[in-house]
PDB file of all heavy atoms in Angstrom:
ATOM      1  N   GLY A   1      10.202  -3.222   8.700  1.00  0.00           N
ATOM      2  CA  GLY A   1      10.246  -1.987   7.926  1.00  0.00           C
ATOM      3  C   GLY A   1       8.945  -1.623   7.231  1.00  0.00           C
ATOM      4  O   GLY A   1       8.952  -0.899   6.236  1.00  0.00           O
ATOM      5  N   ILE A   2       7.804  -2.120   7.741  1.00  0.00           N
ATOM      6  CA  ILE A   2       6.500  -1.737   7.172  1.00  0.00           C
ATOM      7  C   ILE A   2       5.761  -0.959   8.252  1.00  0.00           C
ATOM      8  O   ILE A   2       5.189  -1.535   9.185  1.00  0.00           O
ATOM      9  CB  ILE A   2       5.680  -2.982   6.747  1.00  0.00           C
ATOM     10  CG1 ILE A   2       6.498  -3.876   5.815  1.00  0.00           C
ATOM     11  CG2 ILE A   2       4.374  -2.563   6.080  1.00  0.00           C
ATOM     12  CD1 ILE A   2       5.853  -5.224   5.515  1.00  0.00           C
ATOM     13  N   GLY A   3       5.789   0.354   8.158  1.00  0.00           N
ATOM     14  CA  GLY A   3       5.252   1.200   9.219  1.00  0.00           C
ATOM     15  C   GLY A   3       3.735   1.288   9.223  1.00  0.00           C
ATOM     16  O   GLY A   3       3.061   0.947   8.249  1.00  0.00           O
ATOM     17  N   ASN A   4       3.187   1.782  10.356  1.00  0.00           N
ATOM     18  CA  ASN A   4       1.732   1.914  10.514  1.00  0.00           C
ATOM     19  C   ASN A   4       1.125   2.823   9.452  1.00  0.00           C
ATOM     20  O   ASN A   4       0.034   2.567   8.944  1.00  0.00           O
ATOM     21  CB  ASN A   4       1.389   2.459  11.909  1.00  0.00           C
ATOM     22  CG  ASN A   4       1.661   1.429  12.985  1.00  0.00           C
ATOM     23  OD1 ASN A   4       1.734   0.234  12.695  1.00  0.00           O
ATOM     24  ND2 ASN A   4       1.811   1.878  14.213  1.00  0.00           N
ATOM     25  N   THR A   5       1.828   3.914   9.105  1.00  0.00           N
ATOM     26  CA  THR A   5       1.298   4.866   8.122  1.00  0.00           C
ATOM     27  C   THR A   5       1.133   4.192   6.766  1.00  0.00           C
ATOM     28  O   THR A   5       0.104   4.340   6.098  1.00  0.00           O
ATOM     29  CB  THR A   5       2.236   6.082   7.992  1.00  0.00           C
ATOM     30  OG1 THR A   5       2.443   6.640   9.292  1.00  0.00           O
ATOM     31  CG2 THR A   5       1.641   7.136   7.080  1.00  0.00           C
ATOM     32  N   THR A   6       2.137   3.405   6.373  1.00  0.00           N
ATOM     33  CA  THR A   6       2.069   2.675   5.105  1.00  0.00           C
ATOM     34  C   THR A   6       0.890   1.710   5.096  1.00  0.00           C
ATOM     35  O   THR A   6       0.094   1.669   4.151  1.00  0.00           O
ATOM     36  CB  THR A   6       3.378   1.888   4.875  1.00  0.00           C
ATOM     37  OG1 THR A   6       4.455   2.811   4.783  1.00  0.00           O
ATOM     38  CG2 THR A   6       3.308   1.049   3.613  1.00  0.00           C
ATOM     39  N   VAL A   7       0.774   0.938   6.176  1.00  0.00           N
ATOM     40  CA  VAL A   7      -0.303  -0.059   6.267  1.00  0.00           C
ATOM     41  C   VAL A   7      -1.665   0.623   6.194  1.00  0.00           C
ATOM     42  O   VAL A   7      -2.576   0.160   5.491  1.00  0.00           O
ATOM     43  CB  VAL A   7      -0.173  -0.878   7.572  1.00  0.00           C
ATOM     44  CG1 VAL A   7      -1.389  -1.778   7.762  1.00  0.00           C
ATOM     45  CG2 VAL A   7       1.105  -1.705   7.565  1.00  0.00           C
ATOM     46  N   GLU A   8      -1.803   1.742   6.901  1.00  0.00           N
ATOM     47  CA  GLU A   8      -3.092   2.456   6.930  1.00  0.00           C
ATOM     48  C   GLU A   8      -3.467   2.969   5.536  1.00  0.00           C
ATOM     49  O   GLU A   8      -4.623   2.857   5.110  1.00  0.00           O
ATOM     50  CB  GLU A   8      -3.001   3.625   7.923  1.00  0.00           C
ATOM     51  CG  GLU A   8      -4.363   4.042   8.443  1.00  0.00           C
ATOM     52  CD  GLU A   8      -4.238   4.991   9.633  1.00  0.00           C
ATOM     53  OE1 GLU A   8      -3.547   4.643  10.621  1.00  0.00           O
ATOM     54  OE2 GLU A   8      -4.815   6.081   9.532  1.00  0.00           O
ATOM     55  N   LYS A   9      -2.479   3.499   4.820  1.00  0.00           N
ATOM     56  CA  LYS A   9      -2.757   4.003   3.460  1.00  0.00           C
ATOM     57  C   LYS A   9      -3.233   2.871   2.547  1.00  0.00           C
ATOM     58  O   LYS A   9      -4.223   3.001   1.826  1.00  0.00           O
ATOM     59  CB  LYS A   9      -1.487   4.638   2.860  1.00  0.00           C
ATOM     60  CG  LYS A   9      -1.158   6.019   3.388  1.00  0.00           C
ATOM     61  CD  LYS A   9       0.157   6.505   2.780  1.00  0.00           C
ATOM     62  CE  LYS A   9       0.556   7.872   3.359  1.00  0.00           C
ATOM     63  NZ  LYS A   9       1.882   8.292   2.870  1.00  0.00           N
ATOM     64  N   VAL A  10      -2.511   1.754   2.592  1.00  0.00           N
ATOM     65  CA  VAL A  10      -2.865   0.623   1.729  1.00  0.00           C
ATOM     66  C   VAL A  10      -4.243   0.079   2.112  1.00  0.00           C
ATOM     67  O   VAL A  10      -5.093  -0.164   1.251  1.00  0.00           O
ATOM     68  CB  VAL A  10      -1.810  -0.501   1.825  1.00  0.00           C
ATOM     69  CG1 VAL A  10      -2.226  -1.695   0.966  1.00  0.00           C
ATOM     70  CG2 VAL A  10      -0.435   0.006   1.397  1.00  0.00           C
ATOM     71  N   MET A  11      -4.469  -0.074   3.418  1.00  0.00           N
ATOM     72  CA  MET A  11      -5.719  -0.672   3.881  1.00  0.00           C
ATOM     73  C   MET A  11      -6.914   0.211   3.538  1.00  0.00           C
ATOM     74  O   MET A  11      -7.962  -0.287   3.097  1.00  0.00           O
ATOM     75  CB  MET A  11      -5.639  -0.878   5.405  1.00  0.00           C
ATOM     76  CG  MET A  11      -6.556  -1.943   5.934  1.00  0.00           C
ATOM     77  SD  MET A  11      -6.069  -3.584   5.373  1.00  0.00           S
ATOM     78  CE  MET A  11      -7.671  -4.208   4.914  1.00  0.00           C
ATOM     79  N   THR A  12      -6.776   1.506   3.736  1.00  0.00           N
ATOM     80  CA  THR A  12      -7.875   2.435   3.449  1.00  0.00           C
ATOM     81  C   THR A  12      -8.299   2.342   1.988  1.00  0.00           C
ATOM     82  O   THR A  12      -9.491   2.227   1.667  1.00  0.00           O
ATOM     83  CB  THR A  12      -7.455   3.890   3.777  1.00  0.00           C
ATOM     84  OG1 THR A  12      -7.078   3.945   5.159  1.00  0.00           O
ATOM     85  CG2 THR A  12      -8.594   4.866   3.522  1.00  0.00           C
ATOM     86  N   GLU A  13      -7.317   2.358   1.101  1.00  0.00           N
ATOM     87  CA  GLU A  13      -7.624   2.290  -0.335  1.00  0.00           C
ATOM     88  C   GLU A  13      -8.145   0.903  -0.734  1.00  0.00           C
ATOM     89  O   GLU A  13      -9.045   0.783  -1.570  1.00  0.00           O
ATOM     90  CB  GLU A  13      -6.377   2.634  -1.159  1.00  0.00           C
ATOM     91  CG  GLU A  13      -5.967   4.099  -1.080  1.00  0.00           C
ATOM     92  CD  GLU A  13      -7.098   5.028  -1.526  1.00  0.00           C
ATOM     93  OE1 GLU A  13      -7.624   4.841  -2.633  1.00  0.00           O
ATOM     94  OE2 GLU A  13      -7.471   5.920  -0.738  1.00  0.00           O
ATOM     95  N   ALA A  14      -7.594  -0.135  -0.115  1.00  0.00           N
ATOM     96  CA  ALA A  14      -8.030  -1.502  -0.432  1.00  0.00           C
ATOM     97  C   ALA A  14      -9.501  -1.692  -0.065  1.00  0.00           C
ATOM     98  O   ALA A  14     -10.281  -2.266  -0.839  1.00  0.00           O
ATOM     99  CB  ALA A  14      -7.163  -2.521   0.308  1.00  0.00           C
ATOM    100  N   VAL A  15      -9.890  -1.182   1.109  1.00  0.00           N
ATOM    101  CA  VAL A  15     -11.294  -1.286   1.559  1.00  0.00           C
ATOM    102  C   VAL A  15     -12.195  -0.448   0.665  1.00  0.00           C
ATOM    103  O   VAL A  15     -13.273  -0.878   0.239  1.00  0.00           O
ATOM    104  CB  VAL A  15     -11.424  -0.854   3.041  1.00  0.00           C
ATOM    105  CG1 VAL A  15     -12.893  -0.700   3.432  1.00  0.00           C
ATOM    106  CG2 VAL A  15     -10.725  -1.854   3.956  1.00  0.00           C
ATOM    107  N   ARG A  16     -11.734   0.771   0.346  1.00  0.00           N
ATOM    108  CA  ARG A  16     -12.568   1.690  -0.444  1.00  0.00           C
ATOM    109  C   ARG A  16     -12.858   1.124  -1.833  1.00  0.00           C
ATOM    110  O   ARG A  16     -13.969   1.235  -2.346  1.00  0.00           O
ATOM    111  CB  ARG A  16     -11.864   3.047  -0.571  1.00  0.00           C
ATOM    112  CG  ARG A  16     -12.751   4.157  -1.147  1.00  0.00           C
ATOM    113  CD  ARG A  16     -12.088   5.510  -0.996  1.00  0.00           C
ATOM    114  NE  ARG A  16     -10.874   5.618  -1.780  1.00  0.00           N
ATOM    115  CZ  ARG A  16     -10.853   5.883  -3.094  1.00  0.00           C
ATOM    116  NH1 ARG A  16     -11.989   6.056  -3.750  1.00  0.00           N
ATOM    117  NH2 ARG A  16      -9.712   5.964  -3.742  1.00  0.00           N
ATOM    118  N   GLU A  17     -11.874   0.460  -2.423  1.00  0.00           N
ATOM    119  CA  GLU A  17     -12.055  -0.037  -3.791  1.00  0.00           C
ATOM    120  C   GLU A  17     -12.353  -1.534  -3.864  1.00  0.00           C
ATOM    121  O   GLU A  17     -12.558  -2.081  -4.950  1.00  0.00           O
ATOM    122  CB  GLU A  17     -10.811   0.284  -4.631  1.00  0.00           C
ATOM    123  CG  GLU A  17     -10.586   1.783  -4.785  1.00  0.00           C
ATOM    124  CD  GLU A  17      -9.640   2.097  -5.934  1.00  0.00           C
ATOM    125  OE1 GLU A  17      -9.528   1.252  -6.855  1.00  0.00           O
ATOM    126  OE2 GLU A  17      -9.018   3.170  -5.897  1.00  0.00           O
ATOM    127  N   GLY A  18     -12.365  -2.203  -2.678  1.00  0.00           N
ATOM    128  CA  GLY A  18     -12.658  -3.633  -2.680  1.00  0.00           C
ATOM    129  C   GLY A  18     -11.599  -4.466  -3.357  1.00  0.00           C
ATOM    130  O   GLY A  18     -11.888  -5.474  -4.012  1.00  0.00           O
ATOM    131  N   VAL A  19     -10.343  -4.045  -3.208  1.00  0.00           N
ATOM    132  CA  VAL A  19      -9.205  -4.729  -3.848  1.00  0.00           C
ATOM    133  C   VAL A  19      -8.376  -5.398  -2.753  1.00  0.00           C
ATOM    134  O   VAL A  19      -8.227  -4.840  -1.661  1.00  0.00           O
ATOM    135  CB  VAL A  19      -8.329  -3.694  -4.613  1.00  0.00           C
ATOM    136  CG1 VAL A  19      -7.061  -4.334  -5.156  1.00  0.00           C
ATOM    137  CG2 VAL A  19      -9.135  -3.070  -5.735  1.00  0.00           C
ATOM    138  N   PRO A  20      -7.807  -6.593  -3.001  1.00  0.00           N
ATOM    139  CA  PRO A  20      -6.954  -7.221  -1.985  1.00  0.00           C
ATOM    140  C   PRO A  20      -5.790  -6.315  -1.573  1.00  0.00           C
ATOM    141  O   PRO A  20      -5.259  -5.548  -2.386  1.00  0.00           O
ATOM    142  CB  PRO A  20      -6.432  -8.487  -2.688  1.00  0.00           C
ATOM    143  CG  PRO A  20      -7.464  -8.792  -3.722  1.00  0.00           C
ATOM    144  CD  PRO A  20      -7.988  -7.464  -4.181  1.00  0.00           C
ATOM    145  N   PHE A  21      -5.394  -6.443  -0.316  1.00  0.00           N
ATOM    146  CA  PHE A  21      -4.326  -5.626   0.264  1.00  0.00           C
ATOM    147  C   PHE A  21      -3.068  -5.671  -0.606  1.00  0.00           C
ATOM    148  O   PHE A  21      -2.463  -4.639  -0.911  1.00  0.00           O
ATOM    149  CB  PHE A  21      -4.017  -6.141   1.674  1.00  0.00           C
ATOM    150  CG  PHE A  21      -2.901  -5.406   2.370  1.00  0.00           C
ATOM    151  CD1 PHE A  21      -3.161  -4.313   3.175  1.00  0.00           C
ATOM    152  CD2 PHE A  21      -1.569  -5.811   2.215  1.00  0.00           C
ATOM    153  CE1 PHE A  21      -2.127  -3.643   3.825  1.00  0.00           C
ATOM    154  CE2 PHE A  21      -0.540  -5.147   2.844  1.00  0.00           C
ATOM    155  CZ  PHE A  21      -0.824  -4.056   3.655  1.00  0.00           C
ATOM    156  N   TRP A  22      -2.665  -6.878  -1.012  1.00  0.00           N
ATOM    157  CA  TRP A  22      -1.412  -7.044  -1.738  1.00  0.00           C
ATOM    158  C   TRP A  22      -1.431  -6.308  -3.083  1.00  0.00           C
ATOM    159  O   TRP A  22      -0.455  -5.654  -3.457  1.00  0.00           O
ATOM    160  CB  TRP A  22      -1.134  -8.521  -1.982  1.00  0.00           C
ATOM    161  CG  TRP A  22      -1.155  -9.357  -0.743  1.00  0.00           C
ATOM    162  CD1 TRP A  22      -2.112 -10.250  -0.368  1.00  0.00           C
ATOM    163  CD2 TRP A  22      -0.168  -9.369   0.296  1.00  0.00           C
ATOM    164  NE1 TRP A  22      -1.785 -10.818   0.832  1.00  0.00           N
ATOM    165  CE2 TRP A  22      -0.590 -10.306   1.261  1.00  0.00           C
ATOM    166  CE3 TRP A  22       1.045  -8.696   0.497  1.00  0.00           C
ATOM    167  CZ2 TRP A  22       0.139 -10.581   2.417  1.00  0.00           C
ATOM    168  CZ3 TRP A  22       1.777  -8.969   1.650  1.00  0.00           C
ATOM    169  CH2 TRP A  22       1.320  -9.891   2.588  1.00  0.00           C
ATOM    170  N   ASP A  23      -2.548  -6.417  -3.795  1.00  0.00           N
ATOM    171  CA  ASP A  23      -2.656  -5.745  -5.096  1.00  0.00           C
ATOM    172  C   ASP A  23      -2.634  -4.237  -4.943  1.00  0.00           C
ATOM    173  O   ASP A  23      -2.002  -3.517  -5.731  1.00  0.00           O
ATOM    174  CB  ASP A  23      -3.945  -6.175  -5.812  1.00  0.00           C
ATOM    175  CG  ASP A  23      -3.953  -7.670  -6.123  1.00  0.00           C
ATOM    176  OD1 ASP A  23      -2.896  -8.308  -5.966  1.00  0.00           O
ATOM    177  OD2 ASP A  23      -5.021  -8.193  -6.503  1.00  0.00           O
ATOM    178  N   MET A  24      -3.342  -3.744  -3.912  1.00  0.00           N
ATOM    179  CA  MET A  24      -3.390  -2.295  -3.693  1.00  0.00           C
ATOM    180  C   MET A  24      -2.005  -1.758  -3.329  1.00  0.00           C
ATOM    181  O   MET A  24      -1.631  -0.650  -3.737  1.00  0.00           O
ATOM    182  CB  MET A  24      -4.410  -1.964  -2.593  1.00  0.00           C
ATOM    183  CG  MET A  24      -4.555  -0.479  -2.309  1.00  0.00           C
ATOM    184  SD  MET A  24      -4.906   0.532  -3.784  1.00  0.00           S
ATOM    185  CE  MET A  24      -6.590   0.029  -4.143  1.00  0.00           C
ATOM    186  N   ALA A  25      -1.224  -2.540  -2.564  1.00  0.00           N
ATOM    187  CA  ALA A  25       0.124  -2.093  -2.185  1.00  0.00           C
ATOM    188  C   ALA A  25       0.963  -1.830  -3.434  1.00  0.00           C
ATOM    189  O   ALA A  25       1.634  -0.789  -3.548  1.00  0.00           O
ATOM    190  CB  ALA A  25       0.797  -3.138  -1.300  1.00  0.00           C
ATOM    191  N   GLN A  26       0.919  -2.740  -4.402  1.00  0.00           N
ATOM    192  CA  GLN A  26       1.697  -2.575  -5.630  1.00  0.00           C
ATOM    193  C   GLN A  26       1.224  -1.356  -6.414  1.00  0.00           C
ATOM    194  O   GLN A  26       2.032  -0.580  -6.943  1.00  0.00           O
ATOM    195  CB  GLN A  26       1.584  -3.834  -6.494  1.00  0.00           C
ATOM    196  CG  GLN A  26       2.505  -3.848  -7.697  1.00  0.00           C
ATOM    197  CD  GLN A  26       3.971  -3.642  -7.317  1.00  0.00           C
ATOM    198  OE1 GLN A  26       4.509  -4.394  -6.503  1.00  0.00           O
ATOM    199  NE2 GLN A  26       4.617  -2.614  -7.865  1.00  0.00           N
ATOM    200  N   ARG A  27      -0.096  -1.165  -6.441  1.00  0.00           N
ATOM    201  CA  ARG A  27      -0.646  -0.033  -7.184  1.00  0.00           C
ATOM    202  C   ARG A  27      -0.194   1.294  -6.557  1.00  0.00           C
ATOM    203  O   ARG A  27       0.160   2.243  -7.262  1.00  0.00           O
ATOM    204  CB  ARG A  27      -2.180  -0.117  -7.194  1.00  0.00           C
ATOM    205  CG  ARG A  27      -2.811   0.850  -8.199  1.00  0.00           C
ATOM    206  CD  ARG A  27      -4.326   0.969  -8.034  1.00  0.00           C
ATOM    207  NE  ARG A  27      -5.025  -0.290  -8.252  1.00  0.00           N
ATOM    208  CZ  ARG A  27      -6.353  -0.398  -8.150  1.00  0.00           C
ATOM    209  NH1 ARG A  27      -7.076   0.662  -7.818  1.00  0.00           N
ATOM    210  NH2 ARG A  27      -6.940  -1.557  -8.372  1.00  0.00           N
ATOM    211  N   LEU A  28      -0.179   1.354  -5.221  1.00  0.00           N
ATOM    212  CA  LEU A  28       0.197   2.601  -4.544  1.00  0.00           C
ATOM    213  C   LEU A  28       1.695   2.885  -4.682  1.00  0.00           C
ATOM    214  O   LEU A  28       2.117   4.047  -4.652  1.00  0.00           O
ATOM    215  CB  LEU A  28      -0.214   2.554  -3.065  1.00  0.00           C
ATOM    216  CG  LEU A  28      -1.728   2.520  -2.795  1.00  0.00           C
ATOM    217  CD1 LEU A  28      -2.006   2.611  -1.297  1.00  0.00           C
ATOM    218  CD2 LEU A  28      -2.456   3.667  -3.513  1.00  0.00           C
ATOM    219  N   VAL A  29       2.507   1.835  -4.832  1.00  0.00           N
ATOM    220  CA  VAL A  29       3.936   2.043  -5.119  1.00  0.00           C
ATOM    221  C   VAL A  29       4.073   2.673  -6.503  1.00  0.00           C
ATOM    222  O   VAL A  29       4.803   3.660  -6.694  1.00  0.00           O
ATOM    223  CB  VAL A  29       4.720   0.709  -5.053  1.00  0.00           C
ATOM    224  CG1 VAL A  29       6.142   0.911  -5.575  1.00  0.00           C
ATOM    225  CG2 VAL A  29       4.767   0.182  -3.632  1.00  0.00           C
ATOM    226  N   ASN A  30       3.340   2.094  -7.455  1.00  0.00           N
ATOM    227  CA  ASN A  30       3.394   2.613  -8.834  1.00  0.00           C
ATOM    228  C   ASN A  30       2.932   4.062  -8.915  1.00  0.00           C
ATOM    229  O   ASN A  30       3.452   4.851  -9.710  1.00  0.00           O
ATOM    230  CB  ASN A  30       2.534   1.754  -9.772  1.00  0.00           C
ATOM    231  CG  ASN A  30       3.065   0.326  -9.879  1.00  0.00           C
ATOM    232  OD1 ASN A  30       4.234   0.079  -9.585  1.00  0.00           O
ATOM    233  ND2 ASN A  30       2.215  -0.605 -10.281  1.00  0.00           N
ATOM    234  N   ASP A  31       1.930   4.420  -8.055  1.00  0.00           N
ATOM    235  CA  ASP A  31       1.389   5.786  -8.065  1.00  0.00           C
ATOM    236  C   ASP A  31       2.200   6.744  -7.203  1.00  0.00           C
ATOM    237  O   ASP A  31       1.865   7.934  -7.111  1.00  0.00           O
ATOM    238  CB  ASP A  31      -0.067   5.786  -7.569  1.00  0.00           C
ATOM    239  CG  ASP A  31      -1.005   5.046  -8.531  1.00  0.00           C
ATOM    240  OD1 ASP A  31      -0.576   4.789  -9.674  1.00  0.00           O
ATOM    241  OD2 ASP A  31      -2.133   4.730  -8.122  1.00  0.00           O
ATOM    242  N   GLY A  32       3.224   6.221  -6.526  1.00  0.00           N
ATOM    243  CA  GLY A  32       4.064   7.076  -5.687  1.00  0.00           C
ATOM    244  C   GLY A  32       3.435   7.456  -4.361  1.00  0.00           C
ATOM    245  O   GLY A  32       3.943   8.322  -3.635  1.00  0.00           O
ATOM    246  N   VAL A  33       2.333   6.793  -3.959  1.00  0.00           N
ATOM    247  CA  VAL A  33       1.661   7.110  -2.683  1.00  0.00           C
ATOM    248  C   VAL A  33       2.452   6.538  -1.515  1.00  0.00           C
ATOM    249  O   VAL A  33       2.524   7.133  -0.442  1.00  0.00           O
ATOM    250  CB  VAL A  33       0.209   6.568  -2.685  1.00  0.00           C
ATOM    251  CG1 VAL A  33      -0.462   6.826  -1.333  1.00  0.00           C
ATOM    252  CG2 VAL A  33      -0.596   7.205  -3.817  1.00  0.00           C
ATOM    253  N   ILE A  34       3.032   5.354  -1.702  1.00  0.00           N
ATOM    254  CA  ILE A  34       3.933   4.820  -0.674  1.00  0.00           C
ATOM    255  C   ILE A  34       5.310   4.627  -1.317  1.00  0.00           C
ATOM    256  O   ILE A  34       5.432   4.487  -2.536  1.00  0.00           O
ATOM    257  CB  ILE A  34       3.421   3.485  -0.063  1.00  0.00           C
ATOM    258  CG1 ILE A  34       3.327   2.381  -1.114  1.00  0.00           C
ATOM    259  CG2 ILE A  34       2.085   3.670   0.619  1.00  0.00           C
ATOM    260  CD1 ILE A  34       2.966   1.020  -0.531  1.00  0.00           C
ATOM    261  N   THR A  35       6.330   4.593  -0.470  1.00  0.00           N
ATOM    262  CA  THR A  35       7.703   4.573  -0.994  1.00  0.00           C
ATOM    263  C   THR A  35       8.047   3.214  -1.605  1.00  0.00           C
ATOM    264  O   THR A  35       7.458   2.187  -1.250  1.00  0.00           O
ATOM    265  CB  THR A  35       8.722   4.870   0.128  1.00  0.00           C
ATOM    266  OG1 THR A  35       8.673   3.798   1.082  1.00  0.00           O
ATOM    267  CG2 THR A  35       8.408   6.192   0.821  1.00  0.00           C
ATOM    268  N   VAL A  36       9.029   3.244  -2.504  1.00  0.00           N
ATOM    269  CA  VAL A  36       9.510   2.009  -3.126  1.00  0.00           C
ATOM    270  C   VAL A  36      10.071   1.077  -2.058  1.00  0.00           C
ATOM    271  O   VAL A  36       9.884  -0.149  -2.098  1.00  0.00           O
ATOM    272  CB  VAL A  36      10.590   2.329  -4.183  1.00  0.00           C
ATOM    273  CG1 VAL A  36      11.227   1.051  -4.707  1.00  0.00           C
ATOM    274  CG2 VAL A  36       9.991   3.146  -5.324  1.00  0.00           C
ATOM    275  N   LYS A  37      10.733   1.669  -1.057  1.00  0.00           N
ATOM    276  CA  LYS A  37      11.323   0.878   0.026  1.00  0.00           C
ATOM    277  C   LYS A  37      10.240   0.119   0.806  1.00  0.00           C
ATOM    278  O   LYS A  37      10.363  -1.074   1.091  1.00  0.00           O
ATOM    279  CB  LYS A  37      12.105   1.796   0.969  1.00  0.00           C
ATOM    280  CG  LYS A  37      12.856   1.060   2.068  1.00  0.00           C
ATOM    281  CD  LYS A  37      13.613   2.044   2.951  1.00  0.00           C
ATOM    282  CE  LYS A  37      14.302   1.313   4.097  1.00  0.00           C
ATOM    283  NZ  LYS A  37      14.965   2.247   5.026  1.00  0.00           N
ATOM    284  N   ALA A  38       9.139   0.852   1.131  1.00  0.00           N
ATOM    285  CA  ALA A  38       8.034   0.213   1.858  1.00  0.00           C
ATOM    286  C   ALA A  38       7.394  -0.862   0.983  1.00  0.00           C
ATOM    287  O   ALA A  38       7.050  -1.961   1.456  1.00  0.00           O
ATOM    288  CB  ALA A  38       6.997   1.254   2.271  1.00  0.00           C
ATOM    289  N   GLY A  39       7.238  -0.556  -0.312  1.00  0.00           N
ATOM    290  CA  GLY A  39       6.657  -1.528  -1.240  1.00  0.00           C
ATOM    291  C   GLY A  39       7.500  -2.787  -1.335  1.00  0.00           C
ATOM    292  O   GLY A  39       6.969  -3.907  -1.389  1.00  0.00           O
ATOM    293  N   ALA A  40       8.828  -2.593  -1.332  1.00  0.00           N
ATOM    294  CA  ALA A  40       9.739  -3.742  -1.411  1.00  0.00           C
ATOM    295  C   ALA A  40       9.622  -4.612  -0.150  1.00  0.00           C
ATOM    296  O   ALA A  40       9.661  -5.851  -0.225  1.00  0.00           O
ATOM    297  CB  ALA A  40      11.173  -3.250  -1.587  1.00  0.00           C
ATOM    298  N   ALA A  41       9.458  -3.953   1.017  1.00  0.00           N
ATOM    299  CA  ALA A  41       9.317  -4.699   2.281  1.00  0.00           C
ATOM    300  C   ALA A  41       8.020  -5.524   2.270  1.00  0.00           C
ATOM    301  O   ALA A  41       8.004  -6.686   2.710  1.00  0.00           O
ATOM    302  CB  ALA A  41       9.318  -3.731   3.467  1.00  0.00           C
ATOM    303  N   ILE A  42       6.933  -4.911   1.752  1.00  0.00           N
ATOM    304  CA  ILE A  42       5.654  -5.631   1.660  1.00  0.00           C
ATOM    305  C   ILE A  42       5.789  -6.817   0.712  1.00  0.00           C
ATOM    306  O   ILE A  42       5.329  -7.929   1.008  1.00  0.00           O
ATOM    307  CB  ILE A  42       4.516  -4.682   1.205  1.00  0.00           C
ATOM    308  CG1 ILE A  42       4.212  -3.659   2.312  1.00  0.00           C
ATOM    309  CG2 ILE A  42       3.266  -5.460   0.837  1.00  0.00           C
ATOM    310  CD1 ILE A  42       3.226  -2.575   1.904  1.00  0.00           C
TER     311      ILE A  42
END
């Protein structure tokens, strides 16, 4: 349940800001950029 679009969003921001993938995923859930469901799967 972790789609390509979700992964791409997290990865793009993680690379841009130099933040680990896992930390960026939580931040994007909090900001509403990715869904709570996708965040829970990650």
